[in-house]
Structures are given as C-alpha cells and as structure tokens.
Amino acid sequence: METKGTLLFRRHLSEAEILTICKHFVEKNGIRSIERITGHHRDTIGNLLTAVAEHATQMNDILIRELELTPVECDEFWTFVKKKKNMLSTTAQNQISQVMHGSTRA
C-alpha cells in the first residue's frame, strides 16, 4: 500500500490505532492521558497530532466517514488540536484554519 503523502506515511501505527487515538482527542483527553490509555509514548501521540493537523482536510473526511462525527464535532476536534499550537508547524496551523472555516463536508 502506497502511503507517501498521507497521514499513514512512516507511521508504525495501524489505521485502527490512529483512529482510536483520534477518538480520545475528540473526547478531549490530554496527550499524557491518551498515553496511559493506549500504551503509546507521548512523543508518538504528539507526532501523530502534528501529522493529523498537517493532513487536516484528509483527516476531516476520515473523522466524518469513519468515526461518524458531525461537522460541529469536527470543529471541536480541530479547536482542541489547535490549542496545541506551540507543537504545530505553520503548515499544520494553516490546514486547520482552512478546514475550520467552512470546508467540512456534511
């Protein structure tokens, strides 16, 4: 499976594990809390958070389709992720802003 340019590129986590971690983000669990729940190191979770933000448009579609979130819940998710902005690149912050400003698909 070709993953270059996607959220899964160079990840040692399965898509199911990534979705599980995202579910915990949606529930507003912190990084250390998710570390305790999933058993993954906080650096892995933080790196995933950055990757999710950098692929915000793609991830938004996954959140709606796979996790069956509403656009409002997606906005709450991105608000939570954006609060971690000291960890996020400019590209990630721009992607989040683009997704939050009306580009969610119903």
PDB file of N, CA and C in Angstrom:
ATOM      1  N   MET A   1       0.850  -1.179   0.000  1.00  0.00           N
ATOM      2  CA  MET A   1       0.000   0.000   0.000  1.00  0.00           C
ATOM      3  C   MET A   1       0.892   1.237   0.000  1.00  0.00           C
ATOM      4  N   GLU A   2       0.626   2.155  -0.899  1.00  0.00           N
ATOM      5  CA  GLU A   2       1.391   3.399  -1.003  1.00  0.00           C
ATOM      6  C   GLU A   2       0.819   4.418  -0.032  1.00  0.00           C
ATOM      7  N   THR A   3       1.647   4.863   0.908  1.00  0.00           N
ATOM      8  CA  THR A   3       1.175   5.816   1.908  1.00  0.00           C
ATOM      9  C   THR A   3       1.878   7.165   1.816  1.00  0.00           C
ATOM     10  N   LYS A   4       2.805   7.324   0.873  1.00  0.00           N
ATOM     11  CA  LYS A   4       3.546   8.577   0.760  1.00  0.00           C
ATOM     12  C   LYS A   4       2.580   9.731   0.521  1.00  0.00           C
ATOM     13  N   GLY A   5       2.771  10.787   1.300  1.00  0.00           N
ATOM     14  CA  GLY A   5       1.910  11.959   1.187  1.00  0.00           C
ATOM     15  C   GLY A   5       0.602  11.840   1.942  1.00  0.00           C
ATOM     16  N   THR A   6       0.452  10.776   2.729  1.00  0.00           N
ATOM     17  CA  THR A   6      -0.767  10.597   3.510  1.00  0.00           C
ATOM     18  C   THR A   6      -0.436  10.608   4.998  1.00  0.00           C
ATOM     19  N   LEU A   7      -1.467  10.579   5.776  1.00  0.00           N
ATOM     20  CA  LEU A   7      -1.334  10.547   7.234  1.00  0.00           C
ATOM     21  C   LEU A   7      -0.583   9.313   7.715  1.00  0.00           C
ATOM     22  N   LEU A   8      -0.673   8.219   6.976  1.00  0.00           N
ATOM     23  CA  LEU A   8      -0.074   6.947   7.399  1.00  0.00           C
ATOM     24  C   LEU A   8       1.394   6.816   7.010  1.00  0.00           C
ATOM     25  N   PHE A   9       1.939   7.785   6.271  1.00  0.00           N
ATOM     26  CA  PHE A   9       3.317   7.681   5.796  1.00  0.00           C
ATOM     27  C   PHE A   9       4.292   7.637   6.966  1.00  0.00           C
ATOM     28  N   ARG A  10       5.132   6.590   6.967  1.00  0.00           N
ATOM     29  CA  ARG A  10       6.153   6.359   8.000  1.00  0.00           C
ATOM     30  C   ARG A  10       5.590   6.256   9.414  1.00  0.00           C
ATOM     31  N   ARG A  11       4.386   5.772   9.534  1.00  0.00           N
ATOM     32  CA  ARG A  11       3.770   5.548  10.849  1.00  0.00           C
ATOM     33  C   ARG A  11       3.894   4.071  11.188  1.00  0.00           C
ATOM     34  N   HIS A  12       4.199   3.796  12.421  1.00  0.00           N
ATOM     35  CA  HIS A  12       4.270   2.415  12.892  1.00  0.00           C
ATOM     36  C   HIS A  12       2.958   2.018  13.561  1.00  0.00           C
ATOM     37  N   LEU A  13       1.966   2.868  13.404  1.00  0.00           N
ATOM     38  CA  LEU A  13       0.647   2.598  13.962  1.00  0.00           C
ATOM     39  C   LEU A  13      -0.286   2.169  12.834  1.00  0.00           C
ATOM     40  N   SER A  14      -1.195   1.289  13.155  1.00  0.00           N
ATOM     41  CA  SER A  14      -2.199   0.896  12.163  1.00  0.00           C
ATOM     42  C   SER A  14      -3.249   2.003  12.060  1.00  0.00           C
ATOM     43  N   GLU A  15      -4.036   1.937  11.000  1.00  0.00           N
ATOM     44  CA  GLU A  15      -5.103   2.922  10.844  1.00  0.00           C
ATOM     45  C   GLU A  15      -6.084   2.839  12.014  1.00  0.00           C
ATOM     46  N   ALA A  16      -6.343   1.642  12.508  1.00  0.00           N
ATOM     47  CA  ALA A  16      -7.249   1.461  13.646  1.00  0.00           C
ATOM     48  C   ALA A  16      -6.691   2.141  14.903  1.00  0.00           C
ATOM     49  N   GLU A  17      -5.376   2.021  15.128  1.00  0.00           N
ATOM     50  CA  GLU A  17      -4.760   2.671  16.298  1.00  0.00           C
ATOM     51  C   GLU A  17      -4.819   4.187  16.165  1.00  0.00           C
ATOM     52  N   ILE A  18      -4.611   4.687  14.964  1.00  0.00           N
ATOM     53  CA  ILE A  18      -4.693   6.133  14.731  1.00  0.00           C
ATOM     54  C   ILE A  18      -6.110   6.617  15.014  1.00  0.00           C
ATOM     55  N   LEU A  19      -7.103   5.886  14.530  1.00  0.00           N
ATOM     56  CA  LEU A  19      -8.496   6.277  14.781  1.00  0.00           C
ATOM     57  C   LEU A  19      -8.834   6.220  16.266  1.00  0.00           C
ATOM     58  N   THR A  20      -8.295   5.236  16.969  1.00  0.00           N
ATOM     59  CA  THR A  20      -8.525   5.141  18.418  1.00  0.00           C
ATOM     60  C   THR A  20      -7.948   6.351  19.133  1.00  0.00           C
ATOM     61  N   ILE A  21      -6.748   6.732  18.766  1.00  0.00           N
ATOM     62  CA  ILE A  21      -6.127   7.914  19.377  1.00  0.00           C
ATOM     63  C   ILE A  21      -6.945   9.161  19.056  1.00  0.00           C
ATOM     64  N   CYS A  22      -7.423   9.269  17.815  1.00  0.00           N
ATOM     65  CA  CYS A  22      -8.253  10.416  17.439  1.00  0.00           C
ATOM     66  C   CYS A  22      -9.556  10.454  18.222  1.00  0.00           C
ATOM     67  N   LYS A  23     -10.128   9.275  18.496  1.00  0.00           N
ATOM     68  CA  LYS A  23     -11.343   9.223  19.325  1.00  0.00           C
ATOM     69  C   LYS A  23     -11.064   9.824  20.697  1.00  0.00           C
ATOM     70  N   HIS A  24      -9.892   9.528  21.234  1.00  0.00           N
ATOM     71  CA  HIS A  24      -9.545  10.082  22.546  1.00  0.00           C
ATOM     72  C   HIS A  24      -9.332  11.594  22.467  1.00  0.00           C
ATOM     73  N   PHE A  25      -8.791  12.083  21.356  1.00  0.00           N
ATOM     74  CA  PHE A  25      -8.676  13.534  21.169  1.00  0.00           C
ATOM     75  C   PHE A  25     -10.055  14.168  21.113  1.00  0.00           C
ATOM     76  N   VAL A  26     -10.989  13.522  20.405  1.00  0.00           N
ATOM     77  CA  VAL A  26     -12.352  14.039  20.301  1.00  0.00           C
ATOM     78  C   VAL A  26     -12.991  14.128  21.681  1.00  0.00           C
ATOM     79  N   GLU A  27     -12.676  13.180  22.541  1.00  0.00           N
ATOM     80  CA  GLU A  27     -13.203  13.185  23.905  1.00  0.00           C
ATOM     81  C   GLU A  27     -12.439  14.145  24.821  1.00  0.00           C
ATOM     82  N   LYS A  28     -11.516  14.911  24.222  1.00  0.00           N
ATOM     83  CA  LYS A  28     -10.735  15.939  24.921  1.00  0.00           C
ATOM     84  C   LYS A  28      -9.814  15.369  25.982  1.00  0.00           C
ATOM     85  N   ASN A  29      -9.308  14.167  25.747  1.00  0.00           N
ATOM     86  CA  ASN A  29      -8.273  13.618  26.620  1.00  0.00           C
ATOM     87  C   ASN A  29      -6.944  14.275  26.268  1.00  0.00           C
ATOM     88  N   GLY A  30      -6.114  14.486  27.250  1.00  0.00           N
ATOM     89  CA  GLY A  30      -4.797  15.046  27.012  1.00  0.00           C
ATOM     90  C   GLY A  30      -3.825  14.008  26.486  1.00  0.00           C
ATOM     91  N   ILE A  31      -2.667  14.468  26.057  1.00  0.00           N
ATOM     92  CA  ILE A  31      -1.667  13.578  25.485  1.00  0.00           C
ATOM     93  C   ILE A  31      -1.208  12.540  26.508  1.00  0.00           C
ATOM     94  N   ARG A  32      -0.936  12.962  27.732  1.00  0.00           N
ATOM     95  CA  ARG A  32      -0.492  12.001  28.753  1.00  0.00           C
ATOM     96  C   ARG A  32      -1.603  11.014  29.121  1.00  0.00           C
ATOM     97  N   SER A  33      -2.834  11.490  29.105  1.00  0.00           N
ATOM     98  CA  SER A  33      -3.966  10.605  29.371  1.00  0.00           C
ATOM     99  C   SER A  33      -4.091   9.549  28.272  1.00  0.00           C
ATOM    100  N   ILE A  34      -3.951   9.982  27.030  1.00  0.00           N
ATOM    101  CA  ILE A  34      -4.012   9.049  25.907  1.00  0.00           C
ATOM    102  C   ILE A  34      -2.841   8.072  25.973  1.00  0.00           C
ATOM    103  N   GLU A  35      -1.694   8.550  26.432  1.00  0.00           N
ATOM    104  CA  GLU A  35      -0.534   7.672  26.604  1.00  0.00           C
ATOM    105  C   GLU A  35      -0.873   6.536  27.573  1.00  0.00           C
ATOM    106  N   ARG A  36      -1.501   6.879  28.692  1.00  0.00           N
ATOM    107  CA  ARG A  36      -1.860   5.854  29.684  1.00  0.00           C
ATOM    108  C   ARG A  36      -2.916   4.896  29.134  1.00  0.00           C
ATOM    109  N   ILE A  37      -3.885   5.421  28.402  1.00  0.00           N
ATOM    110  CA  ILE A  37      -4.984   4.604  27.890  1.00  0.00           C
ATOM    111  C   ILE A  37      -4.513   3.644  26.805  1.00  0.00           C
ATOM    112  N   THR A  38      -3.705   4.157  25.860  1.00  0.00           N
ATOM    113  CA  THR A  38      -3.334   3.356  24.680  1.00  0.00           C
ATOM    114  C   THR A  38      -2.020   2.612  24.827  1.00  0.00           C
ATOM    115  N   GLY A  39      -1.158   3.091  25.724  1.00  0.00           N
ATOM    116  CA  GLY A  39       0.149   2.461  25.876  1.00  0.00           C
ATOM    117  C   GLY A  39       1.182   2.973  24.889  1.00  0.00           C
ATOM    118  N   HIS A  40       0.822   3.954  24.070  1.00  0.00           N
ATOM    119  CA  HIS A  40       1.772   4.553  23.132  1.00  0.00           C
ATOM    120  C   HIS A  40       2.472   5.724  23.806  1.00  0.00           C
ATOM    121  N   HIS A  41       3.738   5.934  23.487  1.00  0.00           N
ATOM    122  CA  HIS A  41       4.522   7.007  24.093  1.00  0.00           C
ATOM    123  C   HIS A  41       3.961   8.369  23.701  1.00  0.00           C
ATOM    124  N   ARG A  42       4.069   9.331  24.613  1.00  0.00           N
ATOM    125  CA  ARG A  42       3.525  10.666  24.364  1.00  0.00           C
ATOM    126  C   ARG A  42       4.170  11.352  23.155  1.00  0.00           C
ATOM    127  N   ASP A  43       5.428  11.044  22.866  1.00  0.00           N
ATOM    128  CA  ASP A  43       6.053  11.621  21.669  1.00  0.00           C
ATOM    129  C   ASP A  43       5.390  11.077  20.400  1.00  0.00           C
ATOM    130  N   THR A  44       5.035   9.804  20.420  1.00  0.00           N
ATOM    131  CA  THR A  44       4.329   9.199  19.284  1.00  0.00           C
ATOM    132  C   THR A  44       2.981   9.885  19.096  1.00  0.00           C
ATOM    133  N   ILE A  45       2.274  10.111  20.189  1.00  0.00           N
ATOM    134  CA  ILE A  45       0.963  10.752  20.141  1.00  0.00           C
ATOM    135  C   ILE A  45       1.105  12.204  19.689  1.00  0.00           C
ATOM    136  N   GLY A  46       2.104  12.901  20.199  1.00  0.00           N
ATOM    137  CA  GLY A  46       2.347  14.284  19.780  1.00  0.00           C
ATOM    138  C   GLY A  46       2.703  14.385  18.307  1.00  0.00           C
ATOM    139  N   ASN A  47       3.536  13.453  17.831  1.00  0.00           N
ATOM    140  CA  ASN A  47       3.884  13.436  16.408  1.00  0.00           C
ATOM    141  C   ASN A  47       2.656  13.129  15.553  1.00  0.00           C
ATOM    142  N   LEU A  48       1.800  12.253  16.035  1.00  0.00           N
ATOM    143  CA  LEU A  48       0.571  11.943  15.320  1.00  0.00           C
ATOM    144  C   LEU A  48      -0.330  13.174  15.278  1.00  0.00           C
ATOM    145  N   LEU A  49      -0.401  13.901  16.372  1.00  0.00           N
ATOM    146  CA  LEU A  49      -1.197  15.124  16.432  1.00  0.00           C
ATOM    147  C   LEU A  49      -0.741  16.105  15.358  1.00  0.00           C
ATOM    148  N   THR A  50       0.567  16.253  15.210  1.00  0.00           N
ATOM    149  CA  THR A  50       1.112  17.140  14.187  1.00  0.00           C
ATOM    150  C   THR A  50       0.763  16.633  12.792  1.00  0.00           C
ATOM    151  N   ALA A  51       0.908  15.331  12.569  1.00  0.00           N
ATOM    152  CA  ALA A  51       0.591  14.746  11.259  1.00  0.00           C
ATOM    153  C   ALA A  51      -0.889  14.906  10.930  1.00  0.00           C
ATOM    154  N   VAL A  52      -1.736  14.719  11.930  1.00  0.00           N
ATOM    155  CA  VAL A  52      -3.178  14.889  11.732  1.00  0.00           C
ATOM    156  C   VAL A  52      -3.458  16.331  11.311  1.00  0.00           C
ATOM    157  N   ALA A  53      -2.821  17.282  11.968  1.00  0.00           N
ATOM    158  CA  ALA A  53      -3.034  18.690  11.640  1.00  0.00           C
ATOM    159  C   ALA A  53      -2.527  19.020  10.236  1.00  0.00           C
ATOM    160  N   GLU A  54      -1.399  18.431   9.847  1.00  0.00           N
ATOM    161  CA  GLU A  54      -0.841  18.719   8.522  1.00  0.00           C
ATOM    162  C   GLU A  54      -1.668  18.089   7.407  1.00  0.00           C
ATOM    163  N   HIS A  55      -2.470  17.099   7.732  1.00  0.00           N
ATOM    164  CA  HIS A  55      -3.358  16.456   6.762  1.00  0.00           C
ATOM    165  C   HIS A  55      -4.812  16.693   7.175  1.00  0.00           C
ATOM    166  N   ALA A  56      -5.125  17.916   7.581  1.00  0.00           N
ATOM    167  CA  ALA A  56      -6.422  18.229   8.163  1.00  0.00           C
ATOM    168  C   ALA A  56      -7.585  17.936   7.225  1.00  0.00           C
ATOM    169  N   THR A  57      -7.455  18.275   5.958  1.00  0.00           N
ATOM    170  CA  THR A  57      -8.556  18.049   5.021  1.00  0.00           C
ATOM    171  C   THR A  57      -8.838  16.562   4.881  1.00  0.00           C
ATOM    172  N   GLN A  58      -7.787  15.772   4.674  1.00  0.00           N
ATOM    173  CA  GLN A  58      -7.932  14.324   4.553  1.00  0.00           C
ATOM    174  C   GLN A  58      -8.484  13.741   5.853  1.00  0.00           C
ATOM    175  N   MET A  59      -7.963  14.216   6.968  1.00  0.00           N
ATOM    176  CA  MET A  59      -8.376  13.695   8.273  1.00  0.00           C
ATOM    177  C   MET A  59      -9.827  14.061   8.568  1.00  0.00           C
ATOM    178  N   ASN A  60     -10.252  15.231   8.146  1.00  0.00           N
ATOM    179  CA  ASN A  60     -11.626  15.652   8.377  1.00  0.00           C
ATOM    180  C   ASN A  60     -12.595  14.688   7.693  1.00  0.00           C
ATOM    181  N   ASP A  61     -12.270  14.276   6.484  1.00  0.00           N
ATOM    182  CA  ASP A  61     -13.103  13.300   5.775  1.00  0.00           C
ATOM    183  C   ASP A  61     -13.150  11.976   6.535  1.00  0.00           C
ATOM    184  N   ILE A  62     -12.014  11.553   7.085  1.00  0.00           N
ATOM    185  CA  ILE A  62     -11.954  10.307   7.861  1.00  0.00           C
ATOM    186  C   ILE A  62     -12.789  10.430   9.131  1.00  0.00           C
ATOM    187  N   LEU A  63     -12.697  11.577   9.808  1.00  0.00           N
ATOM    188  CA  LEU A  63     -13.470  11.775  11.034  1.00  0.00           C
ATOM    189  C   LEU A  63     -14.969  11.681  10.765  1.00  0.00           C
ATOM    190  N   ILE A  64     -15.392  12.262   9.655  1.00  0.00           N
ATOM    191  CA  ILE A  64     -16.812  12.244   9.317  1.00  0.00           C
ATOM    192  C   ILE A  64     -17.247  10.852   8.861  1.00  0.00           C
ATOM    193  N   ARG A  65     -16.442  10.219   8.019  1.00  0.00           N
ATOM    194  CA  ARG A  65     -16.817   8.921   7.439  1.00  0.00           C
ATOM    195  C   ARG A  65     -16.623   7.763   8.424  1.00  0.00           C
ATOM    196  N   GLU A  66     -15.436   7.661   9.028  1.00  0.00           N
ATOM    197  CA  GLU A  66     -15.107   6.501   9.869  1.00  0.00           C
ATOM    198  C   GLU A  66     -15.627   6.627  11.300  1.00  0.00           C
ATOM    199  N   LEU A  67     -15.467   7.804  11.878  1.00  0.00           N
ATOM    200  CA  LEU A  67     -15.899   7.986  13.266  1.00  0.00           C
ATOM    201  C   LEU A  67     -17.315   8.540  13.363  1.00  0.00           C
ATOM    202  N   GLU A  68     -17.894   8.854  12.184  1.00  0.00           N
ATOM    203  CA  GLU A  68     -19.267   9.352  12.093  1.00  0.00           C
ATOM    204  C   GLU A  68     -19.489  10.597  12.946  1.00  0.00           C
ATOM    205  N   LEU A  69     -18.524  11.514  12.906  1.00  0.00           N
ATOM    206  CA  LEU A  69     -18.658  12.776  13.623  1.00  0.00           C
ATOM    207  C   LEU A  69     -19.459  13.765  12.779  1.00  0.00           C
ATOM    208  N   THR A  70     -20.138  14.654  13.453  1.00  0.00           N
ATOM    209  CA  THR A  70     -20.831  15.736  12.754  1.00  0.00           C
ATOM    210  C   THR A  70     -19.820  16.849  12.476  1.00  0.00           C
ATOM    211  N   PRO A  71     -20.132  17.754  11.556  1.00  0.00           N
ATOM    212  CA  PRO A  71     -19.223  18.888  11.325  1.00  0.00           C
ATOM    213  C   PRO A  71     -18.944  19.699  12.594  1.00  0.00           C
ATOM    214  N   VAL A  72     -19.920  19.815  13.478  1.00  0.00           N
ATOM    215  CA  VAL A  72     -19.718  20.544  14.737  1.00  0.00           C
ATOM    216  C   VAL A  72     -18.691  19.814  15.604  1.00  0.00           C
ATOM    217  N   GLU A  73     -18.793  18.492  15.685  1.00  0.00           N
ATOM    218  CA  GLU A  73     -17.825  17.713  16.464  1.00  0.00           C
ATOM    219  C   GLU A  73     -16.434  17.817  15.848  1.00  0.00           C
ATOM    220  N   CYS A  74     -16.370  17.865  14.518  1.00  0.00           N
ATOM    221  CA  CYS A  74     -15.072  18.040  13.853  1.00  0.00           C
ATOM    222  C   CYS A  74     -14.457  19.388  14.217  1.00  0.00           C
ATOM    223  N   ASP A  75     -15.286  20.429  14.237  1.00  0.00           N
ATOM    224  CA  ASP A  75     -14.778  21.741  14.627  1.00  0.00           C
ATOM    225  C   ASP A  75     -14.253  21.725  16.055  1.00  0.00           C
ATOM    226  N   GLU A  76     -14.949  21.021  16.952  1.00  0.00           N
ATOM    227  CA  GLU A  76     -14.476  20.898  18.333  1.00  0.00           C
ATOM    228  C   GLU A  76     -13.139  20.163  18.382  1.00  0.00           C
ATOM    229  N   PHE A  77     -13.014  19.112  17.572  1.00  0.00           N
ATOM    230  CA  PHE A  77     -11.764  18.369  17.486  1.00  0.00           C
ATOM    231  C   PHE A  77     -10.635  19.290  17.039  1.00  0.00           C
ATOM    232  N   TRP A  78     -10.857  20.052  15.968  1.00  0.00           N
ATOM    233  CA  TRP A  78      -9.808  20.931  15.448  1.00  0.00           C
ATOM    234  C   TRP A  78      -9.492  22.063  16.425  1.00  0.00           C
ATOM    235  N   THR A  79     -10.490  22.517  17.173  1.00  0.00           N
ATOM    236  CA  THR A  79     -10.235  23.529  18.196  1.00  0.00           C
ATOM    237  C   THR A  79      -9.295  22.973  19.254  1.00  0.00           C
ATOM    238  N   PHE A  80      -9.540  21.727  19.667  1.00  0.00           N
ATOM    239  CA  PHE A  80      -8.670  21.075  20.643  1.00  0.00           C
ATOM    240  C   PHE A  80      -7.255  20.938  20.098  1.00  0.00           C
ATOM    241  N   VAL A  81      -7.138  20.477  18.852  1.00  0.00           N
ATOM    242  CA  VAL A  81      -5.820  20.298  18.241  1.00  0.00           C
ATOM    243  C   VAL A  81      -5.112  21.649  18.120  1.00  0.00           C
ATOM    244  N   LYS A  82      -5.848  22.665  17.736  1.00  0.00           N
ATOM    245  CA  LYS A  82      -5.250  23.996  17.536  1.00  0.00           C
ATOM    246  C   LYS A  82      -4.706  24.578  18.842  1.00  0.00           C
ATOM    247  N   LYS A  83      -5.287  24.181  19.976  1.00  0.00           N
ATOM    248  CA  LYS A  83      -4.791  24.652  21.269  1.00  0.00           C
ATOM    249  C   LYS A  83      -3.356  24.201  21.522  1.00  0.00           C
ATOM    250  N   LYS A  84      -2.930  23.164  20.831  1.00  0.00           N
ATOM    251  CA  LYS A  84      -1.575  22.654  20.966  1.00  0.00           C
ATOM    252  C   LYS A  84      -0.639  23.352  19.988  1.00  0.00           C
ATOM    253  N   LYS A  85      -0.960  24.601  19.617  1.00  0.00           N
ATOM    254  CA  LYS A  85      -0.264  25.274  18.519  1.00  0.00           C
ATOM    255  C   LYS A  85       1.235  25.435  18.729  1.00  0.00           C
ATOM    256  N   ASN A  86       1.717  25.411  19.967  1.00  0.00           N
ATOM    257  CA  ASN A  86       3.167  25.511  20.156  1.00  0.00           C
ATOM    258  C   ASN A  86       3.882  24.288  19.592  1.00  0.00           C
ATOM    259  N   MET A  87       3.131  23.182  19.398  1.00  0.00           N
ATOM    260  CA  MET A  87       3.699  21.973  18.831  1.00  0.00           C
ATOM    261  C   MET A  87       3.535  21.926  17.309  1.00  0.00           C
ATOM    262  N   LEU A  88       2.674  22.782  16.755  1.00  0.00           N
ATOM    263  CA  LEU A  88       2.286  22.654  15.356  1.00  0.00           C
ATOM    264  C   LEU A  88       3.084  23.576  14.444  1.00  0.00           C
ATOM    265  N   SER A  89       3.357  23.074  13.259  1.00  0.00           N
ATOM    266  CA  SER A  89       4.045  23.862  12.243  1.00  0.00           C
ATOM    267  C   SER A  89       3.063  24.881  11.653  1.00  0.00           C
ATOM    268  N   THR A  90       3.590  25.841  10.926  1.00  0.00           N
ATOM    269  CA  THR A  90       2.760  26.833  10.253  1.00  0.00           C
ATOM    270  C   THR A  90       1.837  26.146   9.247  1.00  0.00           C
ATOM    271  N   THR A  91       2.368  25.145   8.552  1.00  0.00           N
ATOM    272  CA  THR A  91       1.561  24.387   7.591  1.00  0.00           C
ATOM    273  C   THR A  91       0.369  23.743   8.293  1.00  0.00           C
ATOM    274  N   ALA A  92       0.618  23.134   9.444  1.00  0.00           N
ATOM    275  CA  ALA A  92      -0.454  22.479  10.197  1.00  0.00           C
ATOM    276  C   ALA A  92      -1.501  23.495  10.644  1.00  0.00           C
ATOM    277  N   GLN A  93      -1.060  24.637  11.142  1.00  0.00           N
ATOM    278  CA  GLN A  93      -1.999  25.663  11.588  1.00  0.00           C
ATOM    279  C   GLN A  93      -2.843  26.178  10.428  1.00  0.00           C
ATOM    280  N   ASN A  94      -2.232  26.335   9.262  1.00  0.00           N
ATOM    281  CA  ASN A  94      -2.973  26.796   8.085  1.00  0.00           C
ATOM    282  C   ASN A  94      -3.996  25.764   7.642  1.00  0.00           C
ATOM    283  N   GLN A  95      -3.617  24.479   7.667  1.00  0.00           N
ATOM    284  CA  GLN A  95      -4.542  23.409   7.285  1.00  0.00           C
ATOM    285  C   GLN A  95      -5.759  23.384   8.213  1.00  0.00           C
ATOM    286  N   ILE A  96      -5.508  23.522   9.507  1.00  0.00           N
ATOM    287  CA  ILE A  96      -6.607  23.516  10.473  1.00  0.00           C
ATOM    288  C   ILE A  96      -7.530  24.695  10.227  1.00  0.00           C
ATOM    289  N   SER A  97      -6.963  25.878  10.018  1.00  0.00           N
ATOM    290  CA  SER A  97      -7.787  27.063   9.770  1.00  0.00           C
ATOM    291  C   SER A  97      -8.643  26.881   8.528  1.00  0.00           C
ATOM    292  N   GLN A  98      -8.071  26.291   7.489  1.00  0.00           N
ATOM    293  CA  GLN A  98      -8.811  26.060   6.259  1.00  0.00           C
ATOM    294  C   GLN A  98      -9.984  25.112   6.491  1.00  0.00           C
ATOM    295  N   VAL A  99      -9.767  24.053   7.235  1.00  0.00           N
ATOM    296  CA  VAL A  99     -10.825  23.074   7.494  1.00  0.00           C
ATOM    297  C   VAL A  99     -11.902  23.661   8.397  1.00  0.00           C
ATOM    298  N   MET A 100     -11.504  24.471   9.364  1.00  0.00           N
ATOM    299  CA  MET A 100     -12.462  25.010  10.319  1.00  0.00           C
ATOM    300  C   MET A 100     -13.344  26.100   9.716  1.00  0.00           C
ATOM    301  N   HIS A 101     -12.903  26.695   8.625  1.00  0.00           N
ATOM    302  CA  HIS A 101     -13.664  27.809   8.047  1.00  0.00           C
ATOM    303  C   HIS A 101     -14.552  27.358   6.889  1.00  0.00           C
ATOM    304  N   GLY A 102     -15.404  26.372   7.170  1.00  0.00           N
ATOM    305  CA  GLY A 102     -16.455  26.033   6.247  1.00  0.00           C
ATOM    306  C   GLY A 102     -16.157  24.976   5.208  1.00  0.00           C
ATOM    307  N   SER A 103     -15.006  24.351   5.261  1.00  0.00           N
ATOM    308  CA  SER A 103     -14.742  23.341   4.238  1.00  0.00           C
ATOM    309  C   SER A 103     -15.078  21.931   4.719  1.00  0.00           C
ATOM    310  N   THR A 104     -15.849  21.815   5.805  1.00  0.00           N
ATOM    311  CA  THR A 104     -16.261  20.488   6.254  1.00  0.00           C
ATOM    312  C   THR A 104     -17.361  19.982   5.342  1.00  0.00           C
ATOM    313  N   ARG A 105     -17.368  18.699   5.107  1.00  0.00           N
ATOM    314  CA  ARG A 105     -18.387  18.084   4.257  1.00  0.00           C
ATOM    315  C   ARG A 105     -19.441  17.441   5.127  1.00  0.00           C
ATOM    316  N   ALA A 106     -20.660  17.722   4.839  1.00  0.00           N
ATOM    317  CA  ALA A 106     -21.769  17.134   5.621  1.00  0.00           C
ATOM    318  C   ALA A 106     -22.100  15.755   5.142  1.00  0.00           C
TER     319      ALA A 106
END
